[in-house]
Amino acid sequence: MLRHIVMWKLKATAEGADRAENAQKLKATLETCRSIVQGQGHFEVGIGLGLPGSTFDVVLVSDFDDSAALDSYQKHPKHVAIKDFVGAVTEGRQCVDYEV
């Protein structure tokens, strides 16, 4: 099984909204990618609390049976469709994939 974790740092303002509003929009947008391919398991989107020391605003933690399932997810039209919004509201992104 593979775990796919992505974290985003959001711009202070973008797309006519502030960071908090865009965090909620990003979470809702990411949620549309839940269970879109076979082999996709756990899927969780969290919004950071903004505590001191926190460097990212939104996190996605998702599990896939194998690299083929993760590849299918990344190529799925619903996933591809959200990339423009994600790119518009974020100033940074970090990702790690590892075997569980």
Protein backbone atom coordinates (compact mmCIF):
# COMPACT_ATOMS: atom_id res chain seq x y z
CA MET A 1 0.00 0.00 0.00
CA LEU A 2 1.15 3.54 -0.74
CA ARG A 3 0.44 6.62 1.34
CA HIS A 4 0.25 9.90 -0.60
CA ILE A 5 0.60 13.09 1.45
CA VAL A 6 0.39 16.57 -0.07
CA MET A 7 0.59 19.87 1.82
CA TRP A 8 -0.19 23.32 0.46
CA LYS A 9 0.73 26.79 1.66
CA LEU A 10 -1.96 29.20 0.51
CA LYS A 11 -1.58 32.77 -0.67
CA ALA A 12 -2.90 35.47 1.69
CA THR A 13 -5.48 36.36 -0.96
CA ALA A 14 -6.32 34.80 -4.32
CA GLU A 15 -9.33 34.32 -6.55
CA GLY A 16 -11.20 37.05 -4.65
CA ALA A 17 -10.94 35.29 -1.29
CA ASP A 18 -8.67 35.25 1.75
CA ARG A 19 -6.56 32.32 2.97
CA ALA A 20 -9.25 30.91 5.29
CA GLU A 21 -11.94 31.02 2.60
CA ASN A 22 -9.64 29.41 0.05
CA ALA A 23 -8.67 26.69 2.54
CA GLN A 24 -12.35 25.77 2.84
CA LYS A 25 -12.78 25.89 -0.95
CA LEU A 26 -9.67 23.78 -1.48
CA LYS A 27 -10.88 21.20 1.02
CA ALA A 28 -14.27 20.97 -0.70
CA THR A 29 -12.61 20.74 -4.11
CA LEU A 30 -10.24 17.99 -2.99
CA GLU A 31 -13.14 16.07 -1.45
CA THR A 32 -14.57 15.64 -4.96
CA CYS A 33 -11.61 13.33 -5.64
CA ARG A 34 -12.59 10.83 -2.94
CA SER A 35 -13.11 7.29 -4.26
CA ILE A 36 -12.66 8.17 -7.92
CA VAL A 37 -10.46 5.19 -8.85
CA GLN A 38 -10.21 1.54 -7.93
CA GLY A 39 -7.53 0.89 -5.35
CA GLN A 40 -8.07 4.21 -3.57
CA GLY A 41 -8.61 3.84 0.16
CA HIS A 42 -8.34 6.26 3.06
CA PHE A 43 -8.79 9.88 1.97
CA GLU A 44 -8.58 12.75 4.43
CA VAL A 45 -8.29 16.50 3.91
CA GLY A 46 -7.39 18.73 6.84
CA ILE A 47 -7.13 22.47 7.34
CA GLY A 48 -4.31 23.66 9.58
CA LEU A 49 -5.10 25.51 12.77
CA GLY A 50 -2.54 28.23 12.08
CA LEU A 51 -0.65 27.51 15.29
CA PRO A 52 2.88 28.88 15.73
CA GLY A 53 5.35 26.73 13.83
CA SER A 54 2.80 25.53 11.27
CA THR A 55 4.07 26.13 7.77
CA PHE A 56 1.27 24.70 5.62
CA ASP A 57 -2.44 25.41 5.47
CA VAL A 58 -4.08 22.34 3.91
CA VAL A 59 -3.06 18.68 3.90
CA LEU A 60 -4.25 15.64 1.98
CA VAL A 61 -3.53 12.14 3.30
CA SER A 62 -4.65 9.33 1.02
CA ASP A 63 -3.86 5.65 0.55
CA PHE A 64 -3.65 3.59 -2.62
CA ASP A 65 -3.28 -0.15 -3.12
CA ASP A 66 -0.29 0.34 -5.42
CA SER A 67 1.51 2.78 -7.71
CA ALA A 68 -0.89 1.96 -10.58
CA ALA A 69 -3.86 3.15 -8.48
CA LEU A 70 -2.00 6.36 -7.53
CA ASP A 71 -1.14 6.95 -11.19
CA SER A 72 -4.79 6.44 -12.18
CA TYR A 73 -5.84 8.93 -9.50
CA GLN A 74 -3.39 11.56 -10.72
CA LYS A 75 -4.59 11.18 -14.31
CA HIS A 76 -8.30 11.05 -13.48
CA PRO A 77 -10.28 13.93 -15.08
CA LYS A 78 -11.67 15.08 -11.69
CA HIS A 79 -8.13 15.35 -10.29
CA VAL A 80 -6.80 17.08 -13.40
CA ALA A 81 -9.73 19.55 -13.35
CA ILE A 82 -8.84 20.94 -9.90
CA LYS A 83 -5.24 21.81 -10.79
CA ASP A 84 -6.03 25.30 -12.11
CA PHE A 85 -7.74 26.33 -8.87
CA VAL A 86 -5.01 24.75 -6.75
CA GLY A 87 -2.34 26.57 -8.72
CA ALA A 88 -4.15 29.89 -8.41
CA VAL A 89 -4.52 29.82 -4.63
CA THR A 90 -1.25 28.21 -3.51
CA GLU A 91 2.22 29.58 -3.10
CA GLY A 92 3.87 26.33 -2.09
CA ARG A 93 3.38 22.58 -2.23
CA GLN A 94 5.16 19.58 -0.76
CA CYS A 95 4.44 15.93 -1.45
CA VAL A 96 5.67 12.56 -0.22
CA ASP A 97 4.66 9.07 -1.28
CA TYR A 98 5.81 6.05 0.73
CA GLU A 99 5.01 2.40 1.32
CA VAL A 100 2.96 1.57 4.37
